[in-house]
Amino acid sequence: MLFMKLPLFILLAVLGPAAGAAEECSFNQEPQVEVLKKVAARYPGGKVVLASRQVSWNEGKGKTTTFGYGGCYDFGSVISQSEKAAAPRSEAQVFALAKALAQRFWNKDIYGNPMALETLTKNLDDKHFTARPSHGSTVYRIEEPLFAELSVAHTFARGYDRVVLTWQGNF
């Protein structure tokens, strides 16, 4: 699955390990499951994998979208979209897709707090971010005290263009 191909540091930092029955977590797991079920019901056709706290949609023609939400010790969300492309998206196209994905998944109706959506949108629009190119990817990181991580990553490799949004709470 595409979500599983995300850099390991992003997955571990944001979602952490899935909680086992004997595991004591800092965050309540039940509301996380409800959010994932709500997303799957709102956007039918997704495959829900509760153990890894994700829902994935294979939209055909090489396009996959994945939403991850939750955590045990660290709490956050990851959204990714990958699709076949002849060339990489421009920065403006990356930001437009990032804002559309954030609006789709990080809105008030999904989990009650649109702060990640609002902060991401405002900072992308105002160009308040740092851009760090590295190994064929560019990470646009937004500095905001309420978030340990709030970023958009863009990669173009082997004919696939991928945009990944990440937030991790600083609480």
Protein backbone atom coordinates (compact mmCIF):
# COMPACT_ATOMS: atom_id res chain seq x y z
CA MET A 1 0.00 0.00 0.00
CA LEU A 2 1.14 3.52 -0.70
CA PHE A 3 0.76 4.57 2.92
CA MET A 4 3.21 1.90 3.92
CA LYS A 5 5.71 3.33 1.40
CA LEU A 6 5.85 6.65 3.23
CA PRO A 7 9.16 7.39 4.92
CA LEU A 8 9.34 5.43 8.15
CA PHE A 9 10.15 8.53 10.22
CA ILE A 10 6.86 10.13 9.12
CA LEU A 11 4.79 7.07 10.00
CA LEU A 12 6.46 6.51 13.35
CA ALA A 13 6.44 10.17 14.32
CA VAL A 14 2.81 10.71 13.46
CA LEU A 15 0.84 7.53 13.92
CA GLY A 16 3.10 5.48 16.15
CA PRO A 17 2.38 1.84 16.82
CA ALA A 18 -1.18 0.57 16.75
CA ALA A 19 -2.39 -0.08 20.24
CA GLY A 20 -2.61 -3.65 21.41
CA ALA A 21 -5.02 -4.85 24.05
CA ALA A 22 -2.37 -4.83 26.78
CA GLU A 23 -0.74 -1.58 25.66
CA GLU A 24 -1.31 1.60 27.66
CA CYS A 25 -1.68 4.57 25.33
CA SER A 26 -1.54 8.27 26.02
CA PHE A 27 -4.43 8.84 23.59
CA ASN A 28 -7.84 7.18 23.63
CA GLN A 29 -8.07 4.78 20.68
CA GLU A 30 -11.87 4.63 20.34
CA PRO A 31 -12.35 8.17 18.93
CA GLN A 32 -9.59 7.47 16.40
CA VAL A 33 -11.44 4.45 15.10
CA GLU A 34 -14.66 6.50 14.88
CA VAL A 35 -12.91 9.15 12.78
CA LEU A 36 -11.62 6.49 10.38
CA LYS A 37 -15.08 4.95 10.09
CA LYS A 38 -16.58 8.40 9.48
CA VAL A 39 -14.07 9.07 6.69
CA ALA A 40 -14.74 5.69 5.10
CA ALA A 41 -18.51 6.31 5.20
CA ARG A 42 -18.19 9.85 3.84
CA TYR A 43 -15.92 8.76 0.97
CA PRO A 44 -17.03 5.24 -0.05
CA GLY A 45 -14.74 2.74 -1.73
CA GLY A 46 -11.87 3.02 0.71
CA LYS A 47 -10.18 0.10 2.40
CA VAL A 48 -10.09 0.60 6.17
CA VAL A 49 -7.13 -0.88 8.05
CA LEU A 50 -7.75 -0.13 11.72
CA ALA A 51 -4.51 -1.73 12.91
CA SER A 52 -2.49 0.90 11.03
CA ARG A 53 -5.11 3.63 11.47
CA GLN A 54 -5.63 4.29 7.75
CA VAL A 55 -8.12 4.34 4.92
CA SER A 56 -6.91 3.95 1.31
CA TRP A 57 -8.68 4.52 -1.98
CA ASN A 58 -7.38 3.03 -5.22
CA GLU A 59 -8.95 5.42 -7.67
CA GLY A 60 -7.74 3.67 -10.83
CA LYS A 61 -5.23 4.66 -13.51
CA GLY A 62 -2.40 4.69 -10.99
CA LYS A 63 -3.99 7.10 -8.49
CA THR A 64 -4.09 6.25 -4.78
CA THR A 65 -5.17 8.41 -1.85
CA THR A 66 -4.57 7.46 1.78
CA PHE A 67 -5.72 9.06 5.02
CA GLY A 68 -4.08 8.11 8.31
CA TYR A 69 -5.18 9.40 11.69
CA GLY A 70 -4.40 8.69 15.31
CA GLY A 71 -1.60 7.56 17.53
CA CYS A 72 -0.80 5.98 20.81
CA TYR A 73 2.04 8.15 22.17
CA ASP A 74 2.26 10.79 19.44
CA PHE A 75 -0.90 11.99 17.75
CA GLY A 76 -1.39 13.22 14.22
CA SER A 77 -2.49 12.63 10.67
CA VAL A 78 -0.94 11.82 7.30
CA ILE A 79 -2.63 12.25 3.93
CA SER A 80 -0.97 11.09 0.74
CA GLN A 81 -1.93 11.07 -2.90
CA SER A 82 0.13 9.41 -5.59
CA GLU A 83 -0.63 9.21 -9.27
CA LYS A 84 1.04 8.39 -12.55
CA ALA A 85 2.37 11.50 -14.26
CA ALA A 86 4.62 12.36 -17.17
CA ALA A 87 6.21 15.25 -15.26
CA PRO A 88 6.29 16.57 -11.70
CA ARG A 89 3.69 19.02 -10.46
CA SER A 90 4.69 22.65 -10.14
CA GLU A 91 4.88 24.17 -6.66
CA ALA A 92 1.54 25.91 -7.29
CA GLN A 93 -0.04 22.58 -8.27
CA VAL A 94 1.44 20.87 -5.20
CA PHE A 95 0.00 23.55 -2.93
CA ALA A 96 -3.40 23.44 -4.66
CA LEU A 97 -3.56 19.66 -4.17
CA ALA A 98 -2.32 19.94 -0.57
CA LYS A 99 -5.06 22.45 0.27
CA ALA A 100 -7.71 20.32 -1.46
CA LEU A 101 -6.64 17.19 0.44
CA ALA A 102 -6.51 19.09 3.74
CA GLN A 103 -10.00 20.47 3.07
CA ARG A 104 -11.26 16.98 2.30
CA PHE A 105 -9.84 15.27 5.39
CA TRP A 106 -8.79 17.83 8.01
CA ASN A 107 -12.09 19.69 8.21
CA LYS A 108 -14.39 20.25 11.17
CA ASP A 109 -16.89 17.63 9.99
CA ILE A 110 -14.30 14.85 10.04
CA TYR A 111 -12.82 15.31 13.50
CA GLY A 112 -14.06 18.56 14.97
CA ASN A 113 -10.89 20.68 14.91
CA PRO A 114 -9.92 22.33 11.63
CA MET A 115 -6.74 23.92 13.06
CA ALA A 116 -4.36 21.88 10.84
CA LEU A 117 -6.40 22.80 7.75
CA GLU A 118 -6.56 26.49 8.65
CA THR A 119 -2.88 26.74 9.63
CA LEU A 120 -1.68 24.88 6.54
CA THR A 121 -3.83 26.94 4.16
CA LYS A 122 -2.91 30.30 5.67
CA ASN A 123 0.82 29.56 5.72
CA LEU A 124 0.91 28.21 2.16
CA ASP A 125 -1.07 31.22 0.91
CA ASP A 126 1.19 33.65 2.81
CA LYS A 127 4.39 31.76 1.79
CA HIS A 128 5.33 31.24 5.47
CA PHE A 129 7.25 27.97 5.24
CA THR A 130 10.73 26.63 4.69
CA ALA A 131 11.42 24.52 1.62
CA ARG A 132 14.02 21.76 1.93
CA PRO A 133 14.90 19.78 -1.19
CA SER A 134 16.42 16.38 -0.44
CA HIS A 135 16.95 13.25 -2.56
CA GLY A 136 14.35 14.12 -5.22
CA SER A 137 11.78 15.39 -2.73
CA THR A 138 10.95 18.81 -1.39
CA VAL A 139 9.50 19.23 2.09
CA TYR A 140 7.64 22.48 2.84
CA ARG A 141 7.65 22.82 6.61
CA ILE A 142 5.43 25.22 8.52
CA GLU A 143 6.57 26.38 11.94
CA GLU A 144 3.63 26.61 14.35
CA PRO A 145 3.94 26.14 18.13
CA LEU A 146 0.85 23.92 18.33
CA PHE A 147 2.36 21.40 15.93
CA ALA A 148 5.51 19.33 16.35
CA GLU A 149 5.22 18.78 12.58
CA LEU A 150 3.11 20.44 9.90
CA SER A 151 4.39 19.89 6.39
CA VAL A 152 3.78 19.13 2.74
CA ALA A 153 6.21 16.83 0.93
CA HIS A 154 6.40 16.46 -2.84
CA THR A 155 8.20 13.69 -4.72
CA PHE A 156 8.37 12.75 -8.37
CA ALA A 157 10.01 9.39 -9.07
CA ARG A 158 9.65 6.60 -11.62
CA GLY A 159 6.65 8.21 -13.30
CA TYR A 160 4.68 8.84 -10.09
CA ASP A 161 3.96 12.20 -8.51
CA ARG A 162 3.26 12.06 -4.77
CA VAL A 163 2.13 14.72 -2.30
CA VAL A 164 2.13 13.94 1.44
CA LEU A 165 0.64 16.16 4.16
CA THR A 166 1.59 15.57 7.77
CA TRP A 167 0.64 17.04 11.11
CA GLN A 168 1.65 15.95 14.55
CA GLY A 169 0.32 17.72 17.60
CA ASN A 170 2.64 19.39 20.05
CA PHE A 171 0.70 18.23 23.09
